[in-house]
């Protein structure tokens, strides 16, 4: 197996572990508290696995940038998806993304990107955090729910 095949197999194994964990909880009749699920899943998603998922996200993001460069933005416009992919990489490195950098990552005009950020925030996929030293600056990071959804999706590729 090549290193990419090993990485993909490892991420798929991780996805199966997450699925087994959630299925076991729902079959037991136990109500799943999102915060409790997040704590349990943290044991499954180790730092190494986060880096593998981040690598897949980074590759997907770069592929999308190449596609955009070749064909233009009019054909392929998914600014929210581009921001989520970028945030997965930053999440795995435990870094927040500034709102302005998220707008840049989207490849869309700032006003469009800001609307998508608001939507992602309303959906509970990202969290906006004010800078403590400069109130003009805000950061974004994936919420636990956002990370779980992205990890499940990317590990299924």
Protein backbone atom coordinates (compact mmCIF):
# COMPACT_ATOMS: atom_id res chain seq x y z
CA UNK A 1 0.00 0.00 0.00
CA UNK A 2 1.13 3.53 -0.71
CA UNK A 3 1.21 6.14 2.05
CA UNK A 4 -1.98 7.73 0.64
CA UNK A 5 -3.75 4.36 0.70
CA UNK A 6 -2.59 3.81 4.28
CA UNK A 7 -3.85 7.24 5.26
CA UNK A 8 -7.23 6.65 3.59
CA UNK A 9 -7.57 3.24 5.25
CA UNK A 10 -6.76 4.78 8.62
CA UNK A 11 -9.32 7.55 8.17
CA UNK A 12 -11.98 5.05 7.05
CA UNK A 13 -11.25 3.00 10.17
CA UNK A 14 -11.74 6.15 12.22
CA UNK A 15 -15.10 6.78 10.53
CA UNK A 16 -16.21 3.23 11.37
CA UNK A 17 -15.20 3.77 15.01
CA UNK A 18 -17.23 7.00 15.15
CA UNK A 19 -20.21 5.30 13.51
CA UNK A 20 -19.97 2.36 15.94
CA UNK A 21 -19.84 4.75 18.86
CA UNK A 22 -22.90 6.72 17.76
CA UNK A 23 -24.86 3.58 16.79
CA UNK A 24 -24.12 2.00 20.15
CA UNK A 25 -25.42 5.07 21.94
CA UNK A 26 -28.61 5.34 19.88
CA UNK A 27 -29.38 1.61 20.18
CA UNK A 28 -29.01 1.70 23.94
CA UNK A 29 -31.90 4.17 24.07
CA UNK A 30 -29.63 6.64 25.79
CA UNK A 31 -30.23 10.25 24.85
CA UNK A 32 -27.12 11.68 23.30
CA UNK A 33 -26.16 15.04 24.71
CA UNK A 34 -24.07 16.87 22.09
CA UNK A 35 -21.52 17.88 24.69
CA UNK A 36 -21.30 14.31 25.99
CA UNK A 37 -20.94 12.96 22.44
CA UNK A 38 -18.15 15.42 21.79
CA UNK A 39 -16.25 14.30 24.89
CA UNK A 40 -16.64 10.62 23.99
CA UNK A 41 -15.65 11.13 20.38
CA UNK A 42 -12.52 13.01 21.44
CA UNK A 43 -11.23 9.69 22.72
CA UNK A 44 -11.74 8.19 19.27
CA UNK A 45 -10.33 11.07 17.25
CA UNK A 46 -6.75 11.34 18.39
CA UNK A 47 -4.32 14.00 17.24
CA UNK A 48 -2.86 11.66 14.62
CA UNK A 49 -6.32 11.05 13.16
CA UNK A 50 -7.06 14.78 13.15
CA UNK A 51 -3.94 15.33 11.08
CA UNK A 52 -5.01 12.64 8.60
CA UNK A 53 -8.43 14.23 8.20
CA UNK A 54 -6.80 17.65 7.89
CA UNK A 55 -4.54 16.29 5.13
CA UNK A 56 -7.57 15.08 3.19
CA UNK A 57 -9.29 18.45 3.69
CA UNK A 58 -6.18 20.32 2.57
CA UNK A 59 -5.88 18.17 -0.56
CA UNK A 60 -9.57 18.72 -1.34
CA UNK A 61 -9.20 22.48 -0.82
CA UNK A 62 -6.14 22.66 -3.11
CA UNK A 63 -7.97 20.64 -5.77
CA UNK A 64 -10.85 23.10 -5.59
CA UNK A 65 -8.46 26.04 -5.95
CA UNK A 66 -6.88 24.46 -9.02
CA UNK A 67 -10.32 23.79 -10.47
CA UNK A 68 -11.35 27.42 -9.80
CA UNK A 69 -8.16 28.71 -11.44
CA UNK A 70 -8.78 26.61 -14.54
CA UNK A 71 -12.53 27.10 -14.96
CA UNK A 72 -13.31 30.28 -13.02
CA UNK A 73 -15.58 30.95 -10.06
CA UNK A 74 -18.84 31.14 -12.00
CA UNK A 75 -19.04 27.39 -12.56
CA UNK A 76 -18.00 26.16 -9.12
CA UNK A 77 -19.17 28.44 -6.34
CA UNK A 78 -19.31 26.93 -2.87
CA UNK A 79 -17.73 29.50 -0.55
CA UNK A 80 -19.07 27.86 2.61
CA UNK A 81 -17.51 24.53 1.67
CA UNK A 82 -14.14 26.12 0.94
CA UNK A 83 -14.23 27.85 4.34
CA UNK A 84 -15.13 24.60 6.12
CA UNK A 85 -12.29 22.73 4.43
CA UNK A 86 -9.85 25.46 5.42
CA UNK A 87 -11.15 25.41 9.00
CA UNK A 88 -10.68 21.63 9.26
CA UNK A 89 -6.97 22.10 8.59
CA UNK A 90 -6.76 24.86 11.19
CA UNK A 91 -8.84 22.89 13.70
CA UNK A 92 -6.44 19.95 13.53
CA UNK A 93 -3.58 22.35 14.26
CA UNK A 94 -5.61 23.95 17.07
CA UNK A 95 -5.62 27.34 15.36
CA UNK A 96 -8.45 29.79 14.91
CA UNK A 97 -9.04 31.51 11.59
CA UNK A 98 -9.70 35.24 11.42
CA UNK A 99 -12.97 36.21 9.78
CA UNK A 100 -11.03 38.07 7.08
CA UNK A 101 -8.90 34.96 6.34
CA UNK A 102 -12.04 32.83 6.17
CA UNK A 103 -13.45 35.29 3.63
CA UNK A 104 -10.25 34.96 1.58
CA UNK A 105 -10.38 31.15 1.82
CA UNK A 106 -13.92 31.20 0.42
CA UNK A 107 -12.83 32.74 -2.86
CA UNK A 108 -16.01 34.82 -2.81
CA UNK A 109 -16.58 38.56 -2.37
CA UNK A 110 -16.39 39.59 1.29
CA UNK A 111 -20.12 40.34 1.58
CA UNK A 112 -21.01 36.90 0.21
CA UNK A 113 -18.47 35.19 2.47
CA UNK A 114 -19.80 37.06 5.52
CA UNK A 115 -23.35 35.89 4.76
CA UNK A 116 -22.08 32.32 4.57
CA UNK A 117 -20.17 32.72 7.83
CA UNK A 118 -23.38 33.89 9.51
CA UNK A 119 -25.20 30.88 8.09
CA UNK A 120 -22.50 28.44 9.25
CA UNK A 121 -22.67 30.03 12.69
CA UNK A 122 -26.49 29.75 12.80
CA UNK A 123 -26.21 26.08 11.82
CA UNK A 124 -23.80 25.49 14.71
CA UNK A 125 -20.91 24.46 12.46
CA UNK A 126 -18.59 27.31 13.41
CA UNK A 127 -18.11 29.53 16.44
CA UNK A 128 -17.16 33.20 16.27
CA UNK A 129 -14.76 34.39 19.00
CA UNK A 130 -13.91 38.03 19.65
CA UNK A 131 -10.24 38.87 20.03
CA UNK A 132 -9.58 39.80 23.65
CA UNK A 133 -7.01 42.47 22.84
CA UNK A 134 -8.61 44.03 19.73
CA UNK A 135 -12.42 44.05 19.56
CA UNK A 136 -12.28 44.83 15.82
CA UNK A 137 -10.95 41.34 15.17
CA UNK A 138 -13.00 38.16 15.33
CA UNK A 139 -11.89 34.58 14.85
CA UNK A 140 -13.73 31.49 13.66
CA UNK A 141 -13.22 27.90 14.62
CA UNK A 142 -15.10 24.74 13.87
CA UNK A 143 -17.56 23.82 16.57
CA UNK A 144 -17.45 20.27 17.90
CA UNK A 145 -20.51 19.48 15.77
CA UNK A 146 -18.85 21.04 12.73
CA UNK A 147 -15.71 18.98 13.28
CA UNK A 148 -17.69 15.76 13.71
CA UNK A 149 -19.64 16.30 10.49
CA UNK A 150 -16.56 17.23 8.50
CA UNK A 151 -14.55 14.33 9.95
CA UNK A 152 -17.30 11.84 9.07
CA UNK A 153 -17.61 13.18 5.54
CA UNK A 154 -13.90 13.47 4.77
CA UNK A 155 -13.14 10.06 6.23
CA UNK A 156 -15.73 8.54 3.89
CA UNK A 157 -13.88 9.75 0.78
